[in-house]
Amino acid sequence: VAKILRRLWAVRITQDWTTAFVGVLRLPVANIVNFAASYRAVEQALRSYFSGEAPKWSKTTHELPATFGLDPQPESQLEPTPQAHQDRGTVP
């Protein structure tokens, strides 16, 4: 109960009451997902230990957009930020 109240209060400080209550409702789901992941990790570790084989890495396939990683503007059009000047030791 104390964990639920702490979660409710912590989320309420940064968000609204609706988000806080939804966060509390997600706790059981998060616990189930965490238990399943932990069980699978222990199972893989034991299987690897007793068989002597390296554990198999489960990869997720991702499809990235065609423009992923591309700058929206050429760098020549970007204005330097105050942080960029600070990093270089220059003052604008």
C-alpha atoms as a PDB file:
ATOM      1  CA  VAL A   1       0.000   0.000   0.000  1.00  0.00           C
ATOM      2  CA  ALA A   2       2.850   2.376   0.829  1.00  0.00           C
ATOM      3  CA  LYS A   3       4.408   1.811  -2.620  1.00  0.00           C
ATOM      4  CA  ILE A   4       1.116   2.648  -4.313  1.00  0.00           C
ATOM      5  CA  LEU A   5       0.709   5.835  -2.282  1.00  0.00           C
ATOM      6  CA  ARG A   6       4.301   6.909  -2.998  1.00  0.00           C
ATOM      7  CA  ARG A   7       3.780   6.295  -6.718  1.00  0.00           C
ATOM      8  CA  LEU A   8       0.496   8.205  -6.659  1.00  0.00           C
ATOM      9  CA  TRP A   9       2.078  11.176  -4.874  1.00  0.00           C
ATOM     10  CA  ALA A  10       5.253  11.224  -6.999  1.00  0.00           C
ATOM     11  CA  VAL A  11       3.352  11.165 -10.279  1.00  0.00           C
ATOM     12  CA  ARG A  12       0.880  13.748  -8.989  1.00  0.00           C
ATOM     13  CA  ILE A  13       3.734  16.172  -8.277  1.00  0.00           C
ATOM     14  CA  THR A  14       4.811  16.189 -11.931  1.00  0.00           C
ATOM     15  CA  GLN A  15       1.517  15.337 -13.668  1.00  0.00           C
ATOM     16  CA  ASP A  16      -2.215  15.572 -13.041  1.00  0.00           C
ATOM     17  CA  TRP A  17      -4.463  13.291 -10.956  1.00  0.00           C
ATOM     18  CA  THR A  18      -5.633  11.287 -13.976  1.00  0.00           C
ATOM     19  CA  THR A  19      -2.083  10.337 -14.911  1.00  0.00           C
ATOM     20  CA  ALA A  20      -1.346   9.486 -11.282  1.00  0.00           C
ATOM     21  CA  PHE A  21      -4.292   7.084 -11.034  1.00  0.00           C
ATOM     22  CA  VAL A  22      -3.495   5.483 -14.395  1.00  0.00           C
ATOM     23  CA  GLY A  23       0.068   4.964 -13.192  1.00  0.00           C
ATOM     24  CA  VAL A  24      -1.223   3.135 -10.136  1.00  0.00           C
ATOM     25  CA  LEU A  25      -3.457   0.955 -12.322  1.00  0.00           C
ATOM     26  CA  ARG A  26      -0.426   0.013 -14.421  1.00  0.00           C
ATOM     27  CA  LEU A  27       1.481  -1.374 -11.417  1.00  0.00           C
ATOM     28  CA  PRO A  28       0.011  -4.920 -11.589  1.00  0.00           C
ATOM     29  CA  VAL A  29       0.711  -5.129 -15.317  1.00  0.00           C
ATOM     30  CA  ALA A  30       4.277  -3.927 -14.795  1.00  0.00           C
ATOM     31  CA  ASN A  31       4.768  -6.539 -12.070  1.00  0.00           C
ATOM     32  CA  ILE A  32       3.547  -9.340 -14.353  1.00  0.00           C
ATOM     33  CA  VAL A  33       5.809  -8.230 -17.205  1.00  0.00           C
ATOM     34  CA  ASN A  34       8.768  -7.945 -14.827  1.00  0.00           C
ATOM     35  CA  PHE A  35       8.117 -11.421 -13.390  1.00  0.00           C
ATOM     36  CA  ALA A  36       7.874 -12.968 -16.872  1.00  0.00           C
ATOM     37  CA  ALA A  37      11.117 -11.297 -17.995  1.00  0.00           C
ATOM     38  CA  SER A  38      12.938 -12.367 -14.830  1.00  0.00           C
ATOM     39  CA  TYR A  39      11.706 -15.940 -15.169  1.00  0.00           C
ATOM     40  CA  ARG A  40      12.866 -16.083 -18.787  1.00  0.00           C
ATOM     41  CA  ALA A  41      16.271 -14.611 -17.906  1.00  0.00           C
ATOM     42  CA  VAL A  42      16.863 -17.153 -15.125  1.00  0.00           C
ATOM     43  CA  GLU A  43      15.698 -19.972 -17.388  1.00  0.00           C
ATOM     44  CA  GLN A  44      18.101 -18.892 -20.147  1.00  0.00           C
ATOM     45  CA  ALA A  45      20.979 -18.483 -17.689  1.00  0.00           C
ATOM     46  CA  LEU A  46      20.454 -21.962 -16.235  1.00  0.00           C
ATOM     47  CA  ARG A  47      20.094 -23.531 -19.671  1.00  0.00           C
ATOM     48  CA  SER A  48      23.296 -21.815 -20.786  1.00  0.00           C
ATOM     49  CA  TYR A  49      25.146 -22.842 -17.617  1.00  0.00           C
ATOM     50  CA  PHE A  50      24.221 -26.520 -17.840  1.00  0.00           C
ATOM     51  CA  SER A  51      24.555 -26.884 -21.622  1.00  0.00           C
ATOM     52  CA  GLY A  52      27.781 -24.862 -21.907  1.00  0.00           C
ATOM     53  CA  GLU A  53      26.397 -22.894 -24.861  1.00  0.00           C
ATOM     54  CA  ALA A  54      26.206 -19.139 -25.035  1.00  0.00           C
ATOM     55  CA  PRO A  55      22.754 -17.740 -24.306  1.00  0.00           C
ATOM     56  CA  LYS A  56      20.726 -16.882 -27.398  1.00  0.00           C
ATOM     57  CA  TRP A  57      20.049 -13.177 -27.867  1.00  0.00           C
ATOM     58  CA  SER A  58      16.412 -12.364 -28.608  1.00  0.00           C
ATOM     59  CA  LYS A  59      16.299  -9.537 -31.110  1.00  0.00           C
ATOM     60  CA  THR A  60      13.347  -7.397 -32.006  1.00  0.00           C
ATOM     61  CA  THR A  61      12.952  -6.389 -35.625  1.00  0.00           C
ATOM     62  CA  HIS A  62      12.496  -2.685 -36.192  1.00  0.00           C
ATOM     63  CA  GLU A  63      11.428  -0.760 -39.255  1.00  0.00           C
ATOM     64  CA  LEU A  64      12.835   2.742 -39.237  1.00  0.00           C
ATOM     65  CA  PRO A  65      11.406   5.564 -41.343  1.00  0.00           C
ATOM     66  CA  ALA A  66      13.304   6.383 -44.539  1.00  0.00           C
ATOM     67  CA  THR A  67      14.266   9.806 -43.132  1.00  0.00           C
ATOM     68  CA  PHE A  68      15.515   8.449 -39.790  1.00  0.00           C
ATOM     69  CA  GLY A  69      18.800  10.055 -38.766  1.00  0.00           C
ATOM     70  CA  LEU A  70      18.728  12.715 -41.458  1.00  0.00           C
ATOM     71  CA  ASP A  71      18.996  16.360 -40.492  1.00  0.00           C
ATOM     72  CA  PRO A  72      15.823  18.299 -41.251  1.00  0.00           C
ATOM     73  CA  GLN A  73      17.990  21.262 -42.322  1.00  0.00           C
ATOM     74  CA  PRO A  74      21.530  21.468 -43.624  1.00  0.00           C
ATOM     75  CA  GLU A  75      23.924  22.519 -40.866  1.00  0.00           C
ATOM     76  CA  SER A  76      24.726  25.756 -42.699  1.00  0.00           C
ATOM     77  CA  GLN A  77      21.160  26.932 -42.040  1.00  0.00           C
ATOM     78  CA  LEU A  78      21.214  26.145 -38.327  1.00  0.00           C
ATOM     79  CA  GLU A  79      21.923  28.963 -35.929  1.00  0.00           C
ATOM     80  CA  PRO A  80      24.525  28.236 -33.263  1.00  0.00           C
ATOM     81  CA  THR A  81      23.131  27.857 -29.776  1.00  0.00           C
ATOM     82  CA  PRO A  82      24.555  29.537 -26.693  1.00  0.00           C
ATOM     83  CA  GLN A  83      25.613  26.053 -25.532  1.00  0.00           C
ATOM     84  CA  ALA A  84      27.669  25.601 -28.726  1.00  0.00           C
ATOM     85  CA  HIS A  85      29.529  28.835 -27.983  1.00  0.00           C
ATOM     86  CA  GLN A  86      30.073  27.772 -24.406  1.00  0.00           C
ATOM     87  CA  ASP A  87      31.457  24.376 -25.527  1.00  0.00           C
ATOM     88  CA  ARG A  88      33.934  26.089 -27.863  1.00  0.00           C
ATOM     89  CA  GLY A  89      34.946  28.668 -25.268  1.00  0.00           C
ATOM     90  CA  THR A  90      33.784  31.551 -27.461  1.00  0.00           C
ATOM     91  CA  VAL A  91      31.338  34.268 -26.551  1.00  0.00           C
ATOM     92  CA  PRO A  92      28.733  35.414 -29.125  1.00  0.00           C
END
